[in-house]
C-alpha cells in the first residue's frame, strides 16, 4: 500500500473532514482467496432496488478483486469494535491471511466473509463504477443482509482532515 504524505489542515480540509460516515470492513473474494479492508466512504444510494456506493483507493488491489468478482460484502463495525479497526487498519497484501484470529462465516454472503463480531452485514453486487481522481467508486445492488447484533449501535467516524484518512 502506498503511503501518502499528510496534507496541511486548512479550513477547507477541516470542513470536508466533518462529513460523518460509518466504519465498515469490506470483504471480497478472488478465487479461493479472501481479504478485507477498512472502509468509511459508504453511502446508501437507492431504495428500489436497494443500492449503495463505496469508494476504494485506486492503488489498492481490492478494487481489482471487486471489479473481477462483481461483488463484495460490507460488515458494519459497532461501537466498541475498535479491535476490528486495529486488525484491518494497516491493510493486507493479496497473499496475507486477513481473517486470522477472527470468527467468520464464509457461506453466508456471496461477496466475502461475514465477520461475526460485526453488528450487521450487506452483500452487494456491482452495478457500475466510476474511476475518477484517487478513488474508484462502486455502485452496488444489495442482494442480502442482516443485523447480527440487534442491540449494537453503529460506530460513526469524523476526520480532522478531509484530505487524508
Protein backbone atom coordinates (compact mmCIF):
# COMPACT_ATOMS: atom_id res chain seq x y z
CA UNK A 1 0.00 0.00 0.00
CA UNK A 2 1.35 3.42 -0.98
CA UNK A 3 1.91 5.83 1.90
CA UNK A 4 0.69 9.33 1.07
CA UNK A 5 2.02 12.46 2.82
CA UNK A 6 -0.46 14.15 5.15
CA UNK A 7 -1.75 17.42 3.67
CA UNK A 8 -1.96 20.56 5.80
CA UNK A 9 -5.09 21.04 7.88
CA UNK A 10 -6.73 24.03 6.19
CA UNK A 11 -10.24 25.41 6.83
CA UNK A 12 -11.45 23.50 3.73
CA UNK A 13 -9.80 20.28 4.98
CA UNK A 14 -11.48 20.72 8.38
CA UNK A 15 -14.91 21.34 6.83
CA UNK A 16 -14.62 18.36 4.46
CA UNK A 17 -13.43 16.12 7.28
CA UNK A 18 -16.59 16.87 9.27
CA UNK A 19 -18.75 14.84 6.88
CA UNK A 20 -19.68 11.87 9.10
CA UNK A 21 -19.53 8.28 7.96
CA UNK A 22 -19.85 4.82 9.36
CA UNK A 23 -16.98 2.37 9.53
CA UNK A 24 -17.07 -0.95 7.73
CA UNK A 25 -14.91 -3.90 6.87
CA UNK A 26 -15.32 -4.55 3.15
CA UNK A 27 -14.65 -8.20 2.30
CA UNK A 28 -14.16 -9.71 -1.13
CA UNK A 29 -13.11 -13.00 -2.71
CA UNK A 30 -10.77 -13.71 -5.59
CA UNK A 31 -10.93 -17.40 -6.41
CA UNK A 32 -10.05 -19.31 -3.22
CA UNK A 33 -8.59 -16.20 -1.53
CA UNK A 34 -10.46 -13.63 0.55
CA UNK A 35 -9.42 -10.32 2.07
CA UNK A 36 -10.84 -7.31 3.85
CA UNK A 37 -10.15 -3.63 4.28
CA UNK A 38 -11.35 -0.80 6.47
CA UNK A 39 -13.86 1.36 4.55
CA UNK A 40 -15.55 4.57 5.57
CA UNK A 41 -16.81 6.09 2.32
CA UNK A 42 -20.06 4.15 2.08
CA UNK A 43 -23.48 5.66 1.34
CA UNK A 44 -26.93 4.28 0.63
CA UNK A 45 -27.80 5.22 -2.95
CA UNK A 46 -31.28 3.80 -3.63
CA UNK A 47 -34.41 2.17 -2.22
CA UNK A 48 -35.81 0.11 -5.10
CA UNK A 49 -33.64 -1.75 -5.68
CA UNK A 50 -31.65 -1.11 -2.51
CA UNK A 51 -28.25 0.25 -3.57
CA UNK A 52 -25.12 1.77 -2.09
CA UNK A 53 -21.84 3.32 -3.13
CA UNK A 54 -18.40 2.54 -1.73
CA UNK A 55 -15.10 4.22 -2.55
CA UNK A 56 -11.86 2.23 -2.68
CA UNK A 57 -8.48 3.92 -3.02
CA UNK A 58 -7.36 3.49 -6.61
CA UNK A 59 -3.97 1.90 -5.86
CA UNK A 60 -5.46 -0.91 -3.74
CA UNK A 61 -5.62 -4.36 -5.31
CA UNK A 62 -9.01 -4.85 -3.61
CA UNK A 63 -10.63 -2.65 -6.27
CA UNK A 64 -9.47 -5.09 -8.97
CA UNK A 65 -10.83 -8.01 -6.94
CA UNK A 66 -14.22 -6.27 -6.65
CA UNK A 67 -14.29 -5.45 -10.36
CA UNK A 68 -13.41 -9.01 -11.42
CA UNK A 69 -15.68 -10.84 -8.93
CA UNK A 70 -18.55 -8.37 -9.33
CA UNK A 71 -19.49 -8.49 -5.65
CA UNK A 72 -18.39 -7.67 -2.10
CA UNK A 73 -19.71 -7.69 1.45
CA UNK A 74 -19.81 -4.82 3.94
CA UNK A 75 -19.51 -5.66 7.63
CA UNK A 76 -20.66 -2.74 9.79
CA UNK A 77 -18.46 -2.02 12.81
CA UNK A 78 -20.32 -1.45 16.09
CA UNK A 79 -19.45 1.00 18.85
CA UNK A 80 -16.77 -0.85 20.82
CA UNK A 81 -15.41 -2.54 17.67
CA UNK A 82 -12.00 -0.87 17.76
CA UNK A 83 -10.29 -4.26 17.59
CA UNK A 84 -11.66 -4.63 14.04
CA UNK A 85 -10.27 -1.19 13.16
CA UNK A 86 -6.85 -2.18 14.51
CA UNK A 87 -6.97 -5.54 12.73
CA UNK A 88 -7.86 -4.16 9.28
CA UNK A 89 -6.49 -0.60 9.56
CA UNK A 90 -2.99 -1.31 8.23
CA UNK A 91 -4.27 -3.31 5.23
CA UNK A 92 -3.23 -6.70 3.91
CA UNK A 93 -1.28 -7.81 0.88
CA UNK A 94 -3.05 -10.10 -1.60
CA UNK A 95 -1.43 -13.24 -0.16
CA UNK A 96 -1.71 -12.32 3.53
CA UNK A 97 -4.31 -14.02 5.73
CA UNK A 98 -6.75 -11.19 6.54
CA UNK A 99 -9.06 -13.09 8.88
CA UNK A 100 -6.60 -14.82 11.19
CA UNK A 101 -7.92 -14.78 14.76
CA UNK A 102 -11.45 -13.70 13.73
CA UNK A 103 -14.67 -15.70 13.71
CA UNK A 104 -16.11 -15.51 10.18
CA UNK A 105 -18.94 -17.06 8.23
CA UNK A 106 -17.75 -17.97 4.75
CA UNK A 107 -21.01 -19.33 3.30
CA UNK A 108 -23.40 -16.58 4.44
CA UNK A 109 -22.63 -13.96 1.79
CA UNK A 110 -21.55 -14.28 -1.84
CA UNK A 111 -19.26 -11.22 -1.84
CA UNK A 112 -16.90 -12.05 1.02
CA UNK A 113 -16.74 -13.39 4.55
CA UNK A 114 -19.17 -12.12 7.18
CA UNK A 115 -17.35 -11.17 10.38
CA UNK A 116 -19.28 -12.49 13.38
CA UNK A 117 -18.34 -9.52 15.60
CA UNK A 118 -19.83 -7.05 13.07
CA UNK A 119 -23.18 -5.51 14.00
CA UNK A 120 -24.66 -6.11 10.52
CA UNK A 121 -23.66 -7.12 7.02
CA UNK A 122 -24.76 -6.24 3.48
CA UNK A 123 -23.96 -8.43 0.50
CA UNK A 124 -23.61 -6.38 -2.69
CA UNK A 125 -23.44 -6.93 -6.44
CA UNK A 126 -21.62 -4.33 -8.54
CA UNK A 127 -23.91 -2.39 -10.91
CA UNK A 128 -21.34 0.16 -12.11
CA UNK A 129 -18.19 2.06 -11.26
CA UNK A 130 -16.55 5.43 -11.70
CA UNK A 131 -12.77 5.75 -11.87
CA UNK A 132 -12.01 9.42 -11.21
CA UNK A 133 -9.40 11.01 -9.00
CA UNK A 134 -7.65 8.89 -6.39
CA UNK A 135 -10.60 6.57 -5.64
CA UNK A 136 -12.70 4.08 -7.55
CA UNK A 137 -16.40 4.34 -6.69
CA UNK A 138 -18.55 1.23 -6.98
CA UNK A 139 -22.34 1.41 -7.24
CA UNK A 140 -23.83 -1.85 -5.99
CA UNK A 141 -27.22 -3.53 -5.54
CA UNK A 142 -27.80 -5.03 -2.11
CA UNK A 143 -28.68 -8.71 -2.58
CA UNK A 144 -28.77 -9.85 1.07
CA UNK A 145 -28.04 -8.64 4.56
CA UNK A 146 -28.91 -8.98 8.22
CA UNK A 147 -28.39 -7.43 11.62
CA UNK A 148 -26.11 -9.72 13.62
CA UNK A 149 -26.23 -7.80 16.89
CA UNK A 150 -29.63 -6.07 17.35
CA UNK A 151 -28.60 -4.09 20.45
CA UNK A 152 -25.38 -2.71 18.94
CA UNK A 153 -25.01 0.89 17.77
CA UNK A 154 -23.11 1.78 14.59
CA UNK A 155 -19.69 3.33 15.04
CA UNK A 156 -19.56 6.78 13.45
CA UNK A 157 -16.42 8.43 12.15
CA UNK A 158 -15.43 12.07 11.59
CA UNK A 159 -11.96 13.01 10.30
CA UNK A 160 -10.00 16.08 11.36
CA UNK A 161 -8.60 16.48 7.84
CA UNK A 162 -10.82 15.96 4.80
CA UNK A 163 -7.80 15.32 2.59
CA UNK A 164 -6.45 12.29 4.45
CA UNK A 165 -7.78 9.18 6.17
